[in-house]
Amino acid sequence: MNAVRLPVEVAVWKREGQPYFDRLARVVAAANAEGLVAVLAAVGDEATGLPGSGAADFWRACATGFRSTLGVIFSLYKRAFT
């Protein structure tokens, strides 16, 4: 399996909403078209490295939006400083 890790910002999704998700969906589709599995990795809060408020809502939206996309994996959070 070939994969690409894509850092995603829950805070940006909270601020921008659907337009951010639409851009994310286009990137996932482009990765899949190249034969890559997209690993969506939420960047954690800069202070703690842990998921911030809204992370559960973000992942629910992703689960709904990508429910029929086989080439996507969710990495619940990625520490910002790694």
PDB file of N, CA and C in Angstrom:
ATOM      1  N   MET A   1       0.852  -1.178   0.000  1.00  0.00           N
ATOM      2  CA  MET A   1       0.000   0.000   0.000  1.00  0.00           C
ATOM      3  C   MET A   1       0.897   1.240   0.000  1.00  0.00           C
ATOM      4  N   ASN A   2       0.620   2.144  -0.885  1.00  0.00           N
ATOM      5  CA  ASN A   2       1.286   3.444  -0.916  1.00  0.00           C
ATOM      6  C   ASN A   2       0.326   4.468  -0.338  1.00  0.00           C
ATOM      7  N   ALA A   3       0.855   5.303   0.540  1.00  0.00           N
ATOM      8  CA  ALA A   3      -0.012   6.260   1.228  1.00  0.00           C
ATOM      9  C   ALA A   3       0.657   7.619   1.315  1.00  0.00           C
ATOM     10  N   VAL A   4      -0.167   8.613   1.506  1.00  0.00           N
ATOM     11  CA  VAL A   4       0.313   9.967   1.752  1.00  0.00           C
ATOM     12  C   VAL A   4      -0.392  10.485   2.998  1.00  0.00           C
ATOM     13  N   ARG A   5       0.403  11.042   3.914  1.00  0.00           N
ATOM     14  CA  ARG A   5      -0.148  11.581   5.171  1.00  0.00           C
ATOM     15  C   ARG A   5      -0.462  13.054   4.952  1.00  0.00           C
ATOM     16  N   LEU A   6      -1.693  13.421   5.210  1.00  0.00           N
ATOM     17  CA  LEU A   6      -2.158  14.793   5.008  1.00  0.00           C
ATOM     18  C   LEU A   6      -2.522  15.419   6.346  1.00  0.00           C
ATOM     19  N   PRO A   7      -1.754  16.408   6.806  1.00  0.00           N
ATOM     20  CA  PRO A   7      -2.131  17.081   8.049  1.00  0.00           C
ATOM     21  C   PRO A   7      -3.392  17.911   7.824  1.00  0.00           C
ATOM     22  N   VAL A   8      -4.336  17.784   8.721  1.00  0.00           N
ATOM     23  CA  VAL A   8      -5.578  18.557   8.635  1.00  0.00           C
ATOM     24  C   VAL A   8      -5.738  19.369   9.915  1.00  0.00           C
ATOM     25  N   GLU A   9      -6.313  20.538   9.764  1.00  0.00           N
ATOM     26  CA  GLU A   9      -6.474  21.469  10.885  1.00  0.00           C
ATOM     27  C   GLU A   9      -7.936  21.552  11.297  1.00  0.00           C
ATOM     28  N   VAL A  10      -8.258  20.979  12.445  1.00  0.00           N
ATOM     29  CA  VAL A  10      -9.630  21.030  12.952  1.00  0.00           C
ATOM     30  C   VAL A  10     -10.054  22.479  13.173  1.00  0.00           C
ATOM     31  N   ALA A  11      -9.143  23.313  13.663  1.00  0.00           N
ATOM     32  CA  ALA A  11      -9.472  24.721  13.921  1.00  0.00           C
ATOM     33  C   ALA A  11      -9.852  25.442  12.627  1.00  0.00           C
ATOM     34  N   VAL A  12      -9.176  25.124  11.533  1.00  0.00           N
ATOM     35  CA  VAL A  12      -9.509  25.760  10.252  1.00  0.00           C
ATOM     36  C   VAL A  12     -10.870  25.268   9.783  1.00  0.00           C
ATOM     37  N   TRP A  13     -11.130  23.975   9.947  1.00  0.00           N
ATOM     38  CA  TRP A  13     -12.449  23.429   9.577  1.00  0.00           C
ATOM     39  C   TRP A  13     -13.551  24.114  10.379  1.00  0.00           C
ATOM     40  N   LYS A  14     -13.304  24.330  11.673  1.00  0.00           N
ATOM     41  CA  LYS A  14     -14.315  25.009  12.506  1.00  0.00           C
ATOM     42  C   LYS A  14     -14.567  26.424  12.006  1.00  0.00           C
ATOM     43  N   ARG A  15     -13.520  27.089  11.550  1.00  0.00           N
ATOM     44  CA  ARG A  15     -13.644  28.468  11.090  1.00  0.00           C
ATOM     45  C   ARG A  15     -14.262  28.552   9.692  1.00  0.00           C
ATOM     46  N   GLU A  16     -13.838  27.667   8.775  1.00  0.00           N
ATOM     47  CA  GLU A  16     -14.257  27.765   7.375  1.00  0.00           C
ATOM     48  C   GLU A  16     -15.415  26.847   7.008  1.00  0.00           C
ATOM     49  N   GLY A  17     -15.568  25.752   7.723  1.00  0.00           N
ATOM     50  CA  GLY A  17     -16.672  24.837   7.457  1.00  0.00           C
ATOM     51  C   GLY A  17     -16.559  24.072   6.158  1.00  0.00           C
ATOM     52  N   GLN A  18     -17.639  24.045   5.410  1.00  0.00           N
ATOM     53  CA  GLN A  18     -17.736  23.223   4.202  1.00  0.00           C
ATOM     54  C   GLN A  18     -16.669  23.525   3.152  1.00  0.00           C
ATOM     55  N   PRO A  19     -16.298  24.784   2.909  1.00  0.00           N
ATOM     56  CA  PRO A  19     -15.241  25.026   1.914  1.00  0.00           C
ATOM     57  C   PRO A  19     -13.925  24.298   2.249  1.00  0.00           C
ATOM     58  N   TYR A  20     -13.570  24.231   3.534  1.00  0.00           N
ATOM     59  CA  TYR A  20     -12.356  23.508   3.935  1.00  0.00           C
ATOM     60  C   TYR A  20     -12.526  22.021   3.644  1.00  0.00           C
ATOM     61  N   PHE A  21     -13.682  21.491   3.998  1.00  0.00           N
ATOM     62  CA  PHE A  21     -13.928  20.068   3.753  1.00  0.00           C
ATOM     63  C   PHE A  21     -13.922  19.772   2.253  1.00  0.00           C
ATOM     64  N   ASP A  22     -14.478  20.661   1.449  1.00  0.00           N
ATOM     65  CA  ASP A  22     -14.482  20.466  -0.008  1.00  0.00           C
ATOM     66  C   ASP A  22     -13.061  20.421  -0.564  1.00  0.00           C
ATOM     67  N   ARG A  23     -12.184  21.302  -0.076  1.00  0.00           N
ATOM     68  CA  ARG A  23     -10.777  21.278  -0.505  1.00  0.00           C
ATOM     69  C   ARG A  23     -10.117  19.979  -0.087  1.00  0.00           C
ATOM     70  N   LEU A  24     -10.384  19.541   1.119  1.00  0.00           N
ATOM     71  CA  LEU A  24      -9.846  18.287   1.615  1.00  0.00           C
ATOM     72  C   LEU A  24     -10.313  17.120   0.753  1.00  0.00           C
ATOM     73  N   ALA A  25     -11.587  17.108   0.397  1.00  0.00           N
ATOM     74  CA  ALA A  25     -12.127  16.036  -0.445  1.00  0.00           C
ATOM     75  C   ALA A  25     -11.451  16.017  -1.815  1.00  0.00           C
ATOM     76  N   ARG A  26     -11.159  17.194  -2.373  1.00  0.00           N
ATOM     77  CA  ARG A  26     -10.461  17.250  -3.670  1.00  0.00           C
ATOM     78  C   ARG A  26      -9.042  16.685  -3.556  1.00  0.00           C
ATOM     79  N   VAL A  27      -8.358  16.980  -2.462  1.00  0.00           N
ATOM     80  CA  VAL A  27      -7.005  16.459  -2.262  1.00  0.00           C
ATOM     81  C   VAL A  27      -7.042  14.939  -2.100  1.00  0.00           C
ATOM     82  N   VAL A  28      -7.989  14.436  -1.326  1.00  0.00           N
ATOM     83  CA  VAL A  28      -8.129  12.990  -1.157  1.00  0.00           C
ATOM     84  C   VAL A  28      -8.406  12.331  -2.507  1.00  0.00           C
ATOM     85  N   ALA A  29      -9.302  12.904  -3.299  1.00  0.00           N
ATOM     86  CA  ALA A  29      -9.620  12.346  -4.613  1.00  0.00           C
ATOM     87  C   ALA A  29      -8.393  12.352  -5.521  1.00  0.00           C
ATOM     88  N   ALA A  30      -7.596  13.415  -5.469  1.00  0.00           N
ATOM     89  CA  ALA A  30      -6.384  13.482  -6.293  1.00  0.00           C
ATOM     90  C   ALA A  30      -5.379  12.413  -5.864  1.00  0.00           C
ATOM     91  N   ALA A  31      -5.224  12.225  -4.557  1.00  0.00           N
ATOM     92  CA  ALA A  31      -4.316  11.183  -4.059  1.00  0.00           C
ATOM     93  C   ALA A  31      -4.796   9.808  -4.503  1.00  0.00           C
ATOM     94  N   ASN A  32      -6.086   9.554  -4.362  1.00  0.00           N
ATOM     95  CA  ASN A  32      -6.646   8.263  -4.778  1.00  0.00           C
ATOM     96  C   ASN A  32      -6.462   8.035  -6.266  1.00  0.00           C
ATOM     97  N   ALA A  33      -6.603   9.088  -7.077  1.00  0.00           N
ATOM     98  CA  ALA A  33      -6.429   8.966  -8.526  1.00  0.00           C
ATOM     99  C   ALA A  33      -5.001   8.562  -8.885  1.00  0.00           C
ATOM    100  N   GLU A  34      -4.052   8.879  -8.013  1.00  0.00           N
ATOM    101  CA  GLU A  34      -2.653   8.500  -8.231  1.00  0.00           C
ATOM    102  C   GLU A  34      -2.318   7.154  -7.588  1.00  0.00           C
ATOM    103  N   GLY A  35      -3.335   6.476  -7.067  1.00  0.00           N
ATOM    104  CA  GLY A  35      -3.125   5.170  -6.456  1.00  0.00           C
ATOM    105  C   GLY A  35      -2.658   5.232  -5.015  1.00  0.00           C
ATOM    106  N   LEU A  36      -2.831   6.370  -4.384  1.00  0.00           N
ATOM    107  CA  LEU A  36      -2.404   6.546  -2.996  1.00  0.00           C
ATOM    108  C   LEU A  36      -3.589   6.510  -2.048  1.00  0.00           C
ATOM    109  N   VAL A  37      -3.368   5.949  -0.887  1.00  0.00           N
ATOM    110  CA  VAL A  37      -4.338   6.026   0.194  1.00  0.00           C
ATOM    111  C   VAL A  37      -4.037   7.316   0.961  1.00  0.00           C
ATOM    112  N   ALA A  38      -5.038   8.111   1.228  1.00  0.00           N
ATOM    113  CA  ALA A  38      -4.861   9.361   1.969  1.00  0.00           C
ATOM    114  C   ALA A  38      -5.060   9.093   3.454  1.00  0.00           C
ATOM    115  N   VAL A  39      -4.059   9.428   4.236  1.00  0.00           N
ATOM    116  CA  VAL A  39      -4.146   9.311   5.691  1.00  0.00           C
ATOM    117  C   VAL A  39      -4.361  10.721   6.230  1.00  0.00           C
ATOM    118  N   LEU A  40      -5.553  10.988   6.716  1.00  0.00           N
ATOM    119  CA  LEU A  40      -5.873  12.304   7.264  1.00  0.00           C
ATOM    120  C   LEU A  40      -5.430  12.332   8.720  1.00  0.00           C
ATOM    121  N   ALA A  41      -4.501  13.228   9.036  1.00  0.00           N
ATOM    122  CA  ALA A  41      -3.942  13.310  10.384  1.00  0.00           C
ATOM    123  C   ALA A  41      -4.238  14.682  10.971  1.00  0.00           C
ATOM    124  N   ALA A  42      -5.096  14.713  11.963  1.00  0.00           N
ATOM    125  CA  ALA A  42      -5.439  15.983  12.606  1.00  0.00           C
ATOM    126  C   ALA A  42      -4.246  16.475  13.409  1.00  0.00           C
ATOM    127  N   VAL A  43      -3.868  17.711  13.174  1.00  0.00           N
ATOM    128  CA  VAL A  43      -2.791  18.326  13.929  1.00  0.00           C
ATOM    129  C   VAL A  43      -3.354  18.738  15.280  1.00  0.00           C
ATOM    130  N   GLY A  44      -2.670  18.341  16.342  1.00  0.00           N
ATOM    131  CA  GLY A  44      -3.133  18.655  17.688  1.00  0.00           C
ATOM    132  C   GLY A  44      -2.910  20.098  18.062  1.00  0.00           C
ATOM    133  N   ASP A  45      -3.479  20.479  19.167  1.00  0.00           N
ATOM    134  CA  ASP A  45      -3.304  21.813  19.731  1.00  0.00           C
ATOM    135  C   ASP A  45      -1.812  22.054  19.953  1.00  0.00           C
ATOM    136  N   GLU A  46      -1.339  23.241  19.599  1.00  0.00           N
ATOM    137  CA  GLU A  46       0.091  23.529  19.713  1.00  0.00           C
ATOM    138  C   GLU A  46       0.607  23.427  21.143  1.00  0.00           C
ATOM    139  N   ALA A  47      -0.196  23.776  22.105  1.00  0.00           N
ATOM    140  CA  ALA A  47       0.260  23.762  23.496  1.00  0.00           C
ATOM    141  C   ALA A  47       0.348  22.348  24.058  1.00  0.00           C
ATOM    142  N   THR A  48      -0.629  21.501  23.745  1.00  0.00           N
ATOM    143  CA  THR A  48      -0.681  20.177  24.355  1.00  0.00           C
ATOM    144  C   THR A  48      -0.345  19.041  23.400  1.00  0.00           C
ATOM    145  N   GLY A  49      -0.503  19.265  22.100  1.00  0.00           N
ATOM    146  CA  GLY A  49      -0.314  18.191  21.137  1.00  0.00           C
ATOM    147  C   GLY A  49      -1.502  17.258  21.047  1.00  0.00           C
ATOM    148  N   LEU A  50      -2.524  17.525  21.838  1.00  0.00           N
ATOM    149  CA  LEU A  50      -3.717  16.681  21.863  1.00  0.00           C
ATOM    150  C   LEU A  50      -4.827  17.307  21.030  1.00  0.00           C
ATOM    151  N   PRO A  51      -5.811  16.499  20.622  1.00  0.00           N
ATOM    152  CA  PRO A  51      -6.928  17.061  19.863  1.00  0.00           C
ATOM    153  C   PRO A  51      -7.635  18.153  20.656  1.00  0.00           C
ATOM    154  N   GLY A  52      -8.005  19.222  19.967  1.00  0.00           N
ATOM    155  CA  GLY A  52      -8.701  20.322  20.618  1.00  0.00           C
ATOM    156  C   GLY A  52     -10.200  20.141  20.559  1.00  0.00           C
ATOM    157  N   SER A  53     -10.898  21.155  21.021  1.00  0.00           N
ATOM    158  CA  SER A  53     -12.351  21.104  20.979  1.00  0.00           C
ATOM    159  C   SER A  53     -12.808  21.070  19.533  1.00  0.00           C
ATOM    160  N   GLY A  54     -13.814  20.316  19.273  1.00  0.00           N
ATOM    161  CA  GLY A  54     -14.337  20.194  17.917  1.00  0.00           C
ATOM    162  C   GLY A  54     -13.782  19.020  17.155  1.00  0.00           C
ATOM    163  N   ALA A  55     -12.781  18.327  17.711  1.00  0.00           N
ATOM    164  CA  ALA A  55     -12.183  17.197  16.995  1.00  0.00           C
ATOM    165  C   ALA A  55     -13.214  16.097  16.735  1.00  0.00           C
ATOM    166  N   ALA A  56     -14.046  15.791  17.713  1.00  0.00           N
ATOM    167  CA  ALA A  56     -15.052  14.735  17.520  1.00  0.00           C
ATOM    168  C   ALA A  56     -16.032  15.126  16.413  1.00  0.00           C
ATOM    169  N   ASP A  57     -16.441  16.387  16.385  1.00  0.00           N
ATOM    170  CA  ASP A  57     -17.347  16.850  15.328  1.00  0.00           C
ATOM    171  C   ASP A  57     -16.664  16.771  13.966  1.00  0.00           C
ATOM    172  N   PHE A  58     -15.384  17.124  13.909  1.00  0.00           N
ATOM    173  CA  PHE A  58     -14.634  17.052  12.657  1.00  0.00           C
ATOM    174  C   PHE A  58     -14.585  15.621  12.139  1.00  0.00           C
ATOM    175  N   TRP A  59     -14.253  14.668  13.015  1.00  0.00           N
ATOM    176  CA  TRP A  59     -14.144  13.279  12.571  1.00  0.00           C
ATOM    177  C   TRP A  59     -15.501  12.702  12.200  1.00  0.00           C
ATOM    178  N   ARG A  60     -16.573  13.146  12.869  1.00  0.00           N
ATOM    179  CA  ARG A  60     -17.917  12.735  12.459  1.00  0.00           C
ATOM    180  C   ARG A  60     -18.213  13.218  11.047  1.00  0.00           C
ATOM    181  N   ALA A  61     -17.865  14.483  10.773  1.00  0.00           N
ATOM    182  CA  ALA A  61     -18.078  15.045   9.432  1.00  0.00           C
ATOM    183  C   ALA A  61     -17.256  14.279   8.394  1.00  0.00           C
ATOM    184  N   CYS A  62     -16.030  13.933   8.741  1.00  0.00           N
ATOM    185  CA  CYS A  62     -15.190  13.158   7.822  1.00  0.00           C
ATOM    186  C   CYS A  62     -15.775  11.769   7.589  1.00  0.00           C
ATOM    187  N   ALA A  63     -16.234  11.125   8.644  1.00  0.00           N
ATOM    188  CA  ALA A  63     -16.822   9.789   8.496  1.00  0.00           C
ATOM    189  C   ALA A  63     -18.034   9.832   7.586  1.00  0.00           C
ATOM    190  N   THR A  64     -18.843  10.857   7.726  1.00  0.00           N
ATOM    191  CA  THR A  64     -20.010  11.011   6.863  1.00  0.00           C
ATOM    192  C   THR A  64     -19.592  11.346   5.438  1.00  0.00           C
ATOM    193  N   GLY A  65     -18.698  12.300   5.293  1.00  0.00           N
ATOM    194  CA  GLY A  65     -18.296  12.759   3.971  1.00  0.00           C
ATOM    195  C   GLY A  65     -17.504  11.751   3.167  1.00  0.00           C
ATOM    196  N   PHE A  66     -16.738  10.896   3.855  1.00  0.00           N
ATOM    197  CA  PHE A  66     -15.897   9.917   3.159  1.00  0.00           C
ATOM    198  C   PHE A  66     -16.416   8.483   3.319  1.00  0.00           C
ATOM    199  N   ARG A  67     -17.670   8.331   3.690  1.00  0.00           N
ATOM    200  CA  ARG A  67     -18.197   6.992   3.984  1.00  0.00           C
ATOM    201  C   ARG A  67     -18.090   6.024   2.807  1.00  0.00           C
ATOM    202  N   SER A  68     -18.094   6.518   1.595  1.00  0.00           N
ATOM    203  CA  SER A  68     -17.989   5.609   0.445  1.00  0.00           C
ATOM    204  C   SER A  68     -16.620   5.702  -0.234  1.00  0.00           C
ATOM    205  N   THR A  69     -15.654   6.323   0.429  1.00  0.00           N
ATOM    206  CA  THR A  69     -14.306   6.439  -0.112  1.00  0.00           C
ATOM    207  C   THR A  69     -13.421   5.383   0.523  1.00  0.00           C
ATOM    208  N   LEU A  70     -12.972   4.428  -0.287  1.00  0.00           N
ATOM    209  CA  LEU A  70     -12.155   3.339   0.247  1.00  0.00           C
ATOM    210  C   LEU A  70     -10.719   3.778   0.523  1.00  0.00           C
ATOM    211  N   GLY A  71     -10.231   4.777  -0.180  1.00  0.00           N
ATOM    212  CA  GLY A  71      -8.829   5.161  -0.084  1.00  0.00           C
ATOM    213  C   GLY A  71      -8.545   6.256   0.907  1.00  0.00           C
ATOM    214  N   VAL A  72      -9.140   6.176   2.095  1.00  0.00           N
ATOM    215  CA  VAL A  72      -8.875   7.186   3.121  1.00  0.00           C
ATOM    216  C   VAL A  72      -8.820   6.512   4.499  1.00  0.00           C
ATOM    217  N   ILE A  73      -7.857   6.948   5.296  1.00  0.00           N
ATOM    218  CA  ILE A  73      -7.683   6.449   6.666  1.00  0.00           C
ATOM    219  C   ILE A  73      -7.648   7.667   7.582  1.00  0.00           C
ATOM    220  N   PHE A  74      -8.236   7.554   8.754  1.00  0.00           N
ATOM    221  CA  PHE A  74      -8.242   8.647   9.719  1.00  0.00           C
ATOM    222  C   PHE A  74      -7.204   8.369  10.811  1.00  0.00           C
ATOM    223  N   SER A  75      -6.287   9.296  10.990  1.00  0.00           N
ATOM    224  CA  SER A  75      -5.342   9.265  12.092  1.00  0.00           C
ATOM    225  C   SER A  75      -5.833  10.345  13.054  1.00  0.00           C
ATOM    226  N   LEU A  76      -6.410   9.966  14.158  1.00  0.00           N
ATOM    227  CA  LEU A  76      -7.183  10.884  14.976  1.00  0.00           C
ATOM    228  C   LEU A  76      -6.454  12.152  15.387  1.00  0.00           C
ATOM    229  N   TYR A  77      -5.166  12.077  15.614  1.00  0.00           N
ATOM    230  CA  TYR A  77      -4.423  13.310  15.820  1.00  0.00           C
ATOM    231  C   TYR A  77      -2.941  13.078  15.579  1.00  0.00           C
ATOM    232  N   LYS A  78      -2.284  14.133  15.204  1.00  0.00           N
ATOM    233  CA  LYS A  78      -0.843  14.130  14.981  1.00  0.00           C
ATOM    234  C   LYS A  78      -0.274  15.267  15.801  1.00  0.00           C
ATOM    235  N   ARG A  79       0.672  14.985  16.602  1.00  0.00           N
ATOM    236  CA  ARG A  79       1.278  16.052  17.412  1.00  0.00           C
ATOM    237  C   ARG A  79       1.900  17.084  16.500  1.00  0.00           C
ATOM    238  N   ALA A  80       1.620  18.326  16.747  1.00  0.00           N
ATOM    239  CA  ALA A  80       2.084  19.421  15.878  1.00  0.00           C
ATOM    240  C   ALA A  80       3.601  19.543  15.824  1.00  0.00           C
ATOM    241  N   PHE A  81       4.292  19.102  16.867  1.00  0.00           N
ATOM    242  CA  PHE A  81       5.738  19.307  16.922  1.00  0.00           C
ATOM    243  C   PHE A  81       6.529  18.051  16.617  1.00  0.00           C
ATOM    244  N   THR A  82       5.939  17.094  15.903  1.00  0.00           N
ATOM    245  CA  THR A  82       6.691  15.894  15.517  1.00  0.00           C
ATOM    246  C   THR A  82       6.938  15.876  14.042  1.00  0.00           C
TER     247      THR A  82
END
